């Protein structure tokens, strides 16, 4: 089925037109076919907006989203153009063919290819429910749902980053103090202290004891 850039479709024929488009898109096996469908649907949506035909516009938006999703599904089936010996393979004139190469040959930009792949990542049921809603989501809205969230480098356990950072440094200060005191040769150093130094040491120990007692009773 073809979708010319300007068409006149009666309201009664829209359901049949949409069903035929769905069936045709499900059979698409080439990315460039899907791209052609998406382009024609975009032109049809523009025509419908100018004609203030909301039903036709929604149908065109749905067809376009389905075409982009199908393109993404096909792109995901292509193995990445990577490999341990990739530089040598390229020098030999046998450059691997990846999904972005396929997208480029189909006339899609890297952004469009990435968007299509992300839309294809949206669970089928979620996609179907949203695309058939009274107000179908935009391609950008769909693509945002198919973006895999990046795992944080550190598990903050639900805490505010500043709070986590403060706690980390707090514990590290005690650990560092424990390492520094453990590494001292107390038996060798203590006999060499004079009375003034002993008094200073006793005062420091009292402060340390007060702090550690306070901390120990709260952990």
C-alpha atoms as a PDB file:
ATOM      1  CA  UNK A   1       0.000   0.000   0.000  1.00  0.00           C
ATOM      2  CA  UNK A   2       1.269   3.479  -0.877  1.00  0.00           C
ATOM      3  CA  UNK A   3       0.695   6.721   0.960  1.00  0.00           C
ATOM      4  CA  UNK A   4       1.065   9.676  -1.457  1.00  0.00           C
ATOM      5  CA  UNK A   5       2.119  13.016  -0.026  1.00  0.00           C
ATOM      6  CA  UNK A   6      -1.360  14.472  -0.580  1.00  0.00           C
ATOM      7  CA  UNK A   7      -4.442  12.308  -0.475  1.00  0.00           C
ATOM      8  CA  UNK A   8      -8.134  12.627   0.209  1.00  0.00           C
ATOM      9  CA  UNK A   9      -9.451   9.963   2.551  1.00  0.00           C
ATOM     10  CA  UNK A  10     -13.022   9.811   3.759  1.00  0.00           C
ATOM     11  CA  UNK A  11     -13.632   9.248   7.446  1.00  0.00           C
ATOM     12  CA  UNK A  12     -15.257   5.899   6.755  1.00  0.00           C
ATOM     13  CA  UNK A  13     -12.165   4.551   5.013  1.00  0.00           C
ATOM     14  CA  UNK A  14      -9.684   5.472   7.746  1.00  0.00           C
ATOM     15  CA  UNK A  15      -9.982   2.277   9.831  1.00  0.00           C
ATOM     16  CA  UNK A  16      -9.404   0.117   6.762  1.00  0.00           C
ATOM     17  CA  UNK A  17      -6.515   2.336   5.672  1.00  0.00           C
ATOM     18  CA  UNK A  18      -4.891   2.087   9.102  1.00  0.00           C
ATOM     19  CA  UNK A  19      -5.343  -1.670   9.333  1.00  0.00           C
ATOM     20  CA  UNK A  20      -3.771  -2.107   5.905  1.00  0.00           C
ATOM     21  CA  UNK A  21      -0.838   0.083   6.933  1.00  0.00           C
ATOM     22  CA  UNK A  22      -0.281  -1.969  10.098  1.00  0.00           C
ATOM     23  CA  UNK A  23      -0.279  -5.199   8.133  1.00  0.00           C
ATOM     24  CA  UNK A  24       2.129  -3.847   5.533  1.00  0.00           C
ATOM     25  CA  UNK A  25       4.528  -2.491   8.152  1.00  0.00           C
ATOM     26  CA  UNK A  26       4.587  -5.804   9.981  1.00  0.00           C
ATOM     27  CA  UNK A  27       5.892  -7.381   6.769  1.00  0.00           C
ATOM     28  CA  UNK A  28       8.613  -4.776   6.147  1.00  0.00           C
ATOM     29  CA  UNK A  29      12.031  -6.433   6.032  1.00  0.00           C
ATOM     30  CA  UNK A  30      14.113  -3.489   4.814  1.00  0.00           C
ATOM     31  CA  UNK A  31      15.013  -0.355   6.753  1.00  0.00           C
ATOM     32  CA  UNK A  32      14.595   1.834   3.687  1.00  0.00           C
ATOM     33  CA  UNK A  33      11.006   0.585   3.301  1.00  0.00           C
ATOM     34  CA  UNK A  34      10.243   1.656   6.855  1.00  0.00           C
ATOM     35  CA  UNK A  35      11.926   5.012   6.261  1.00  0.00           C
ATOM     36  CA  UNK A  36       9.742   5.527   3.169  1.00  0.00           C
ATOM     37  CA  UNK A  37       6.612   4.736   5.175  1.00  0.00           C
ATOM     38  CA  UNK A  38       7.669   7.140   7.933  1.00  0.00           C
ATOM     39  CA  UNK A  39       8.362   9.960   5.471  1.00  0.00           C
ATOM     40  CA  UNK A  40       5.012   9.523   3.725  1.00  0.00           C
ATOM     41  CA  UNK A  41       3.180   9.370   7.046  1.00  0.00           C
ATOM     42  CA  UNK A  42       4.922  12.573   8.178  1.00  0.00           C
ATOM     43  CA  UNK A  43       3.814  14.292   4.972  1.00  0.00           C
ATOM     44  CA  UNK A  44       0.285  12.983   5.479  1.00  0.00           C
ATOM     45  CA  UNK A  45       0.227  14.281   9.063  1.00  0.00           C
ATOM     46  CA  UNK A  46       1.336  17.710   7.844  1.00  0.00           C
ATOM     47  CA  UNK A  47      -1.401  17.690   5.209  1.00  0.00           C
ATOM     48  CA  UNK A  48      -3.973  16.697   7.844  1.00  0.00           C
ATOM     49  CA  UNK A  49      -2.923  19.517  10.179  1.00  0.00           C
ATOM     50  CA  UNK A  50      -3.312  22.052   7.401  1.00  0.00           C
ATOM     51  CA  UNK A  51      -6.734  20.575   6.588  1.00  0.00           C
ATOM     52  CA  UNK A  52      -7.634  20.524  10.304  1.00  0.00           C
ATOM     53  CA  UNK A  53      -8.474  16.828   9.994  1.00  0.00           C
ATOM     54  CA  UNK A  54      -7.546  15.548  13.454  1.00  0.00           C
ATOM     55  CA  UNK A  55      -8.592  11.950  12.817  1.00  0.00           C
ATOM     56  CA  UNK A  56      -6.427  11.716   9.723  1.00  0.00           C
ATOM     57  CA  UNK A  57      -3.530  13.392  11.569  1.00  0.00           C
ATOM     58  CA  UNK A  58      -3.702  10.874  14.430  1.00  0.00           C
ATOM     59  CA  UNK A  59      -3.770   8.002  11.959  1.00  0.00           C
ATOM     60  CA  UNK A  60      -0.693   9.383  10.188  1.00  0.00           C
ATOM     61  CA  UNK A  61       1.132   9.855  13.515  1.00  0.00           C
ATOM     62  CA  UNK A  62       0.414   6.261  14.472  1.00  0.00           C
ATOM     63  CA  UNK A  63       1.609   4.946  11.112  1.00  0.00           C
ATOM     64  CA  UNK A  64       4.779   7.003  11.367  1.00  0.00           C
ATOM     65  CA  UNK A  65       5.526   5.756  14.889  1.00  0.00           C
ATOM     66  CA  UNK A  66       4.959   2.158  13.814  1.00  0.00           C
ATOM     67  CA  UNK A  67       7.221   2.620  10.791  1.00  0.00           C
ATOM     68  CA  UNK A  68      10.005   4.090  12.926  1.00  0.00           C
ATOM     69  CA  UNK A  69       9.620   1.301  15.483  1.00  0.00           C
ATOM     70  CA  UNK A  70       9.817  -1.350  12.762  1.00  0.00           C
ATOM     71  CA  UNK A  71      12.974   0.296  11.407  1.00  0.00           C
ATOM     72  CA  UNK A  72      14.438   0.168  14.913  1.00  0.00           C
ATOM     73  CA  UNK A  73      13.564  -3.515  15.241  1.00  0.00           C
ATOM     74  CA  UNK A  74      15.374  -4.258  11.993  1.00  0.00           C
ATOM     75  CA  UNK A  75      18.401  -2.182  13.011  1.00  0.00           C
ATOM     76  CA  UNK A  76      18.646  -4.030  16.327  1.00  0.00           C
ATOM     77  CA  UNK A  77      18.992  -7.297  14.427  1.00  0.00           C
ATOM     78  CA  UNK A  78      22.223  -6.111  12.799  1.00  0.00           C
ATOM     79  CA  UNK A  79      25.407  -7.070  14.608  1.00  0.00           C
ATOM     80  CA  UNK A  80      27.548  -4.124  15.807  1.00  0.00           C
ATOM     81  CA  UNK A  81      30.482  -3.252  13.535  1.00  0.00           C
ATOM     82  CA  UNK A  82      33.072  -3.983  16.199  1.00  0.00           C
ATOM     83  CA  UNK A  83      35.751  -6.574  16.752  1.00  0.00           C
ATOM     84  CA  UNK A  84      39.146  -7.276  18.290  1.00  0.00           C
ATOM     85  CA  UNK A  85      40.904  -6.940  14.943  1.00  0.00           C
ATOM     86  CA  UNK A  86      38.718  -4.134  13.557  1.00  0.00           C
ATOM     87  CA  UNK A  87      41.572  -1.722  12.569  1.00  0.00           C
ATOM     88  CA  UNK A  88      43.310  -4.414  10.509  1.00  0.00           C
ATOM     89  CA  UNK A  89      40.029  -5.471   8.901  1.00  0.00           C
ATOM     90  CA  UNK A  90      39.346  -1.883   7.820  1.00  0.00           C
ATOM     91  CA  UNK A  91      42.836  -1.540   6.358  1.00  0.00           C
ATOM     92  CA  UNK A  92      42.239  -4.658   4.304  1.00  0.00           C
ATOM     93  CA  UNK A  93      39.218  -3.002   2.720  1.00  0.00           C
ATOM     94  CA  UNK A  94      36.699  -5.204   4.488  1.00  0.00           C
ATOM     95  CA  UNK A  95      35.079  -2.677   6.776  1.00  0.00           C
ATOM     96  CA  UNK A  96      32.376  -4.337   8.952  1.00  0.00           C
ATOM     97  CA  UNK A  97      28.791  -3.320   8.169  1.00  0.00           C
ATOM     98  CA  UNK A  98      26.878  -2.186  11.259  1.00  0.00           C
ATOM     99  CA  UNK A  99      23.435  -0.856  12.030  1.00  0.00           C
ATOM    100  CA  UNK A 100      24.452   2.773  11.523  1.00  0.00           C
ATOM    101  CA  UNK A 101      25.757   1.861   8.075  1.00  0.00           C
ATOM    102  CA  UNK A 102      22.397   0.275   7.269  1.00  0.00           C
ATOM    103  CA  UNK A 103      20.595   3.331   8.607  1.00  0.00           C
ATOM    104  CA  UNK A 104      22.766   5.656   6.527  1.00  0.00           C
ATOM    105  CA  UNK A 105      22.088   3.666   3.362  1.00  0.00           C
ATOM    106  CA  UNK A 106      18.366   3.904   4.109  1.00  0.00           C
ATOM    107  CA  UNK A 107      18.647   7.686   4.337  1.00  0.00           C
ATOM    108  CA  UNK A 108      18.473   7.907   8.129  1.00  0.00           C
ATOM    109  CA  UNK A 109      20.705  10.197  10.163  1.00  0.00           C
ATOM    110  CA  UNK A 110      22.533   8.838  13.249  1.00  0.00           C
ATOM    111  CA  UNK A 111      19.960  10.639  15.409  1.00  0.00           C
ATOM    112  CA  UNK A 112      17.067   9.016  13.552  1.00  0.00           C
ATOM    113  CA  UNK A 113      18.697   5.595  13.830  1.00  0.00           C
ATOM    114  CA  UNK A 114      19.220   6.021  17.566  1.00  0.00           C
ATOM    115  CA  UNK A 115      15.655   7.258  17.994  1.00  0.00           C
ATOM    116  CA  UNK A 116      14.272   4.285  16.055  1.00  0.00           C
ATOM    117  CA  UNK A 117      16.277   1.821  18.145  1.00  0.00           C
ATOM    118  CA  UNK A 118      15.090   3.393  21.373  1.00  0.00           C
ATOM    119  CA  UNK A 119      11.456   3.298  20.254  1.00  0.00           C
ATOM    120  CA  UNK A 120      11.947  -0.378  19.434  1.00  0.00           C
ATOM    121  CA  UNK A 121      13.110  -0.865  23.041  1.00  0.00           C
ATOM    122  CA  UNK A 122       9.732   0.194  24.413  1.00  0.00           C
ATOM    123  CA  UNK A 123       7.798  -2.918  25.533  1.00  0.00           C
ATOM    124  CA  UNK A 124       5.249  -3.977  22.925  1.00  0.00           C
ATOM    125  CA  UNK A 125       2.247  -3.656  25.216  1.00  0.00           C
ATOM    126  CA  UNK A 126       3.253  -0.192  26.405  1.00  0.00           C
ATOM    127  CA  UNK A 127       3.863   0.942  22.849  1.00  0.00           C
ATOM    128  CA  UNK A 128       0.501  -0.354  21.622  1.00  0.00           C
ATOM    129  CA  UNK A 129      -1.452   1.262  24.453  1.00  0.00           C
ATOM    130  CA  UNK A 130       0.188   4.634  23.990  1.00  0.00           C
ATOM    131  CA  UNK A 131       0.097   4.720  20.210  1.00  0.00           C
ATOM    132  CA  UNK A 132      -3.628   3.909  20.176  1.00  0.00           C
ATOM    133  CA  UNK A 133      -4.461   6.603  22.730  1.00  0.00           C
ATOM    134  CA  UNK A 134      -6.568   9.606  21.757  1.00  0.00           C
ATOM    135  CA  UNK A 135      -3.394  11.681  21.748  1.00  0.00           C
ATOM    136  CA  UNK A 136      -0.474   9.536  20.518  1.00  0.00           C
ATOM    137  CA  UNK A 137       2.924  10.443  22.022  1.00  0.00           C
ATOM    138  CA  UNK A 138       5.592  12.104  19.925  1.00  0.00           C
ATOM    139  CA  UNK A 139       8.595  10.173  18.657  1.00  0.00           C
ATOM    140  CA  UNK A 140      10.801  11.942  21.204  1.00  0.00           C
ATOM    141  CA  UNK A 141       8.488  10.933  24.042  1.00  0.00           C
ATOM    142  CA  UNK A 142       8.513   7.313  22.906  1.00  0.00           C
ATOM    143  CA  UNK A 143      12.291   7.285  22.444  1.00  0.00           C
ATOM    144  CA  UNK A 144      12.840   8.627  25.958  1.00  0.00           C
ATOM    145  CA  UNK A 145      11.085   5.525  27.313  1.00  0.00           C
ATOM    146  CA  UNK A 146      13.425   3.221  25.422  1.00  0.00           C
ATOM    147  CA  UNK A 147      16.573   4.747  26.853  1.00  0.00           C
ATOM    148  CA  UNK A 148      18.317   2.377  29.205  1.00  0.00           C
ATOM    149  CA  UNK A 149      19.001   4.188  32.486  1.00  0.00           C
ATOM    150  CA  UNK A 150      22.652   4.395  33.353  1.00  0.00           C
ATOM    151  CA  UNK A 151      23.605   2.580  36.496  1.00  0.00           C
ATOM    152  CA  UNK A 152      25.142   4.918  39.080  1.00  0.00           C
ATOM    153  CA  UNK A 153      28.834   4.395  39.692  1.00  0.00           C
ATOM    154  CA  UNK A 154      28.087   4.192  43.421  1.00  0.00           C
ATOM    155  CA  UNK A 155      24.950   2.950  45.149  1.00  0.00           C
ATOM    156  CA  UNK A 156      23.811   5.937  47.225  1.00  0.00           C
ATOM    157  CA  UNK A 157      21.135   3.798  48.912  1.00  0.00           C
ATOM    158  CA  UNK A 158      18.559   6.525  48.439  1.00  0.00           C
ATOM    159  CA  UNK A 159      20.641   9.225  50.125  1.00  0.00           C
ATOM    160  CA  UNK A 160      21.351  12.717  48.908  1.00  0.00           C
ATOM    161  CA  UNK A 161      24.763  12.806  47.124  1.00  0.00           C
ATOM    162  CA  UNK A 162      26.043  15.520  49.492  1.00  0.00           C
ATOM    163  CA  UNK A 163      24.951  13.510  52.507  1.00  0.00           C
ATOM    164  CA  UNK A 164      26.613  10.391  51.102  1.00  0.00           C
ATOM    165  CA  UNK A 165      29.848  12.271  50.398  1.00  0.00           C
ATOM    166  CA  UNK A 166      29.914  13.761  53.911  1.00  0.00           C
ATOM    167  CA  UNK A 167      29.382  10.345  55.510  1.00  0.00           C
ATOM    168  CA  UNK A 168      32.083   8.814  53.330  1.00  0.00           C
ATOM    169  CA  UNK A 169      34.661  11.375  54.431  1.00  0.00           C
ATOM    170  CA  UNK A 170      33.566  11.111  58.072  1.00  0.00           C
ATOM    171  CA  UNK A 171      34.207   7.362  58.209  1.00  0.00           C
ATOM    172  CA  UNK A 172      37.420   7.769  56.218  1.00  0.00           C
ATOM    173  CA  UNK A 173      38.783  10.220  58.810  1.00  0.00           C
ATOM    174  CA  UNK A 174      38.395   7.616  61.577  1.00  0.00           C
ATOM    175  CA  UNK A 175      39.903   4.911  59.402  1.00  0.00           C
ATOM    176  CA  UNK A 176      42.893   7.095  58.570  1.00  0.00           C
ATOM    177  CA  UNK A 177      43.416   8.030  62.248  1.00  0.00           C
ATOM    178  CA  UNK A 178      43.263   4.346  63.198  1.00  0.00           C
ATOM    179  CA  UNK A 179      45.858   3.491  60.537  1.00  0.00           C
ATOM    180  CA  UNK A 180      48.168   6.322  61.592  1.00  0.00           C
ATOM    181  CA  UNK A 181      48.072   5.345  65.301  1.00  0.00           C
ATOM    182  CA  UNK A 182      48.421   1.635  64.540  1.00  0.00           C
ATOM    183  CA  UNK A 183      51.532   2.270  62.456  1.00  0.00           C
ATOM    184  CA  UNK A 184      53.298   4.129  65.295  1.00  0.00           C
ATOM    185  CA  UNK A 185      55.968   2.325  67.353  1.00  0.00           C
ATOM    186  CA  UNK A 186      54.486   3.239  70.738  1.00  0.00           C
ATOM    187  CA  UNK A 187      56.892   1.132  72.822  1.00  0.00           C
ATOM    188  CA  UNK A 188      59.848   2.932  71.270  1.00  0.00           C
ATOM    189  CA  UNK A 189      58.464   6.474  71.327  1.00  0.00           C
ATOM    190  CA  UNK A 190      56.696   6.703  74.727  1.00  0.00           C
ATOM    191  CA  UNK A 191      59.867   6.412  76.883  1.00  0.00           C
ATOM    192  CA  UNK A 192      61.426   9.345  75.029  1.00  0.00           C
ATOM    193  CA  UNK A 193      58.622  11.834  75.835  1.00  0.00           C
ATOM    194  CA  UNK A 194      59.287  14.605  78.342  1.00  0.00           C
ATOM    195  CA  UNK A 195      56.678  15.781  80.876  1.00  0.00           C
ATOM    196  CA  UNK A 196      55.366  18.588  78.652  1.00  0.00           C
ATOM    197  CA  UNK A 197      54.869  16.181  75.768  1.00  0.00           C
ATOM    198  CA  UNK A 198      53.175  13.660  78.077  1.00  0.00           C
ATOM    199  CA  UNK A 199      50.728  16.351  79.214  1.00  0.00           C
ATOM    200  CA  UNK A 200      49.900  17.245  75.642  1.00  0.00           C
ATOM    201  CA  UNK A 201      49.409  13.574  74.826  1.00  0.00           C
ATOM    202  CA  UNK A 202      47.078  13.073  77.809  1.00  0.00           C
ATOM    203  CA  UNK A 203      44.997  16.081  76.710  1.00  0.00           C
ATOM    204  CA  UNK A 204      44.751  14.724  73.169  1.00  0.00           C
ATOM    205  CA  UNK A 205      43.754  11.286  74.454  1.00  0.00           C
ATOM    206  CA  UNK A 206      40.989  12.829  76.581  1.00  0.00           C
ATOM    207  CA  UNK A 207      39.575  14.588  73.506  1.00  0.00           C
ATOM    208  CA  UNK A 208      39.805  11.384  71.473  1.00  0.00           C
ATOM    209  CA  UNK A 209      38.105   9.404  74.254  1.00  0.00           C
ATOM    210  CA  UNK A 210      35.252  11.930  74.460  1.00  0.00           C
ATOM    211  CA  UNK A 211      34.708  11.798  70.706  1.00  0.00           C
ATOM    212  CA  UNK A 212      34.904   8.012  70.411  1.00  0.00           C
ATOM    213  CA  UNK A 213      32.564   7.532  73.404  1.00  0.00           C
ATOM    214  CA  UNK A 214      30.023   9.860  71.793  1.00  0.00           C
ATOM    215  CA  UNK A 215      30.277   8.086  68.474  1.00  0.00           C
ATOM    216  CA  UNK A 216      30.299   4.561  69.912  1.00  0.00           C
ATOM    217  CA  UNK A 217      27.033   5.118  71.788  1.00  0.00           C
ATOM    218  CA  UNK A 218      25.256   6.201  68.570  1.00  0.00           C
ATOM    219  CA  UNK A 219      26.340   3.496  66.111  1.00  0.00           C
END
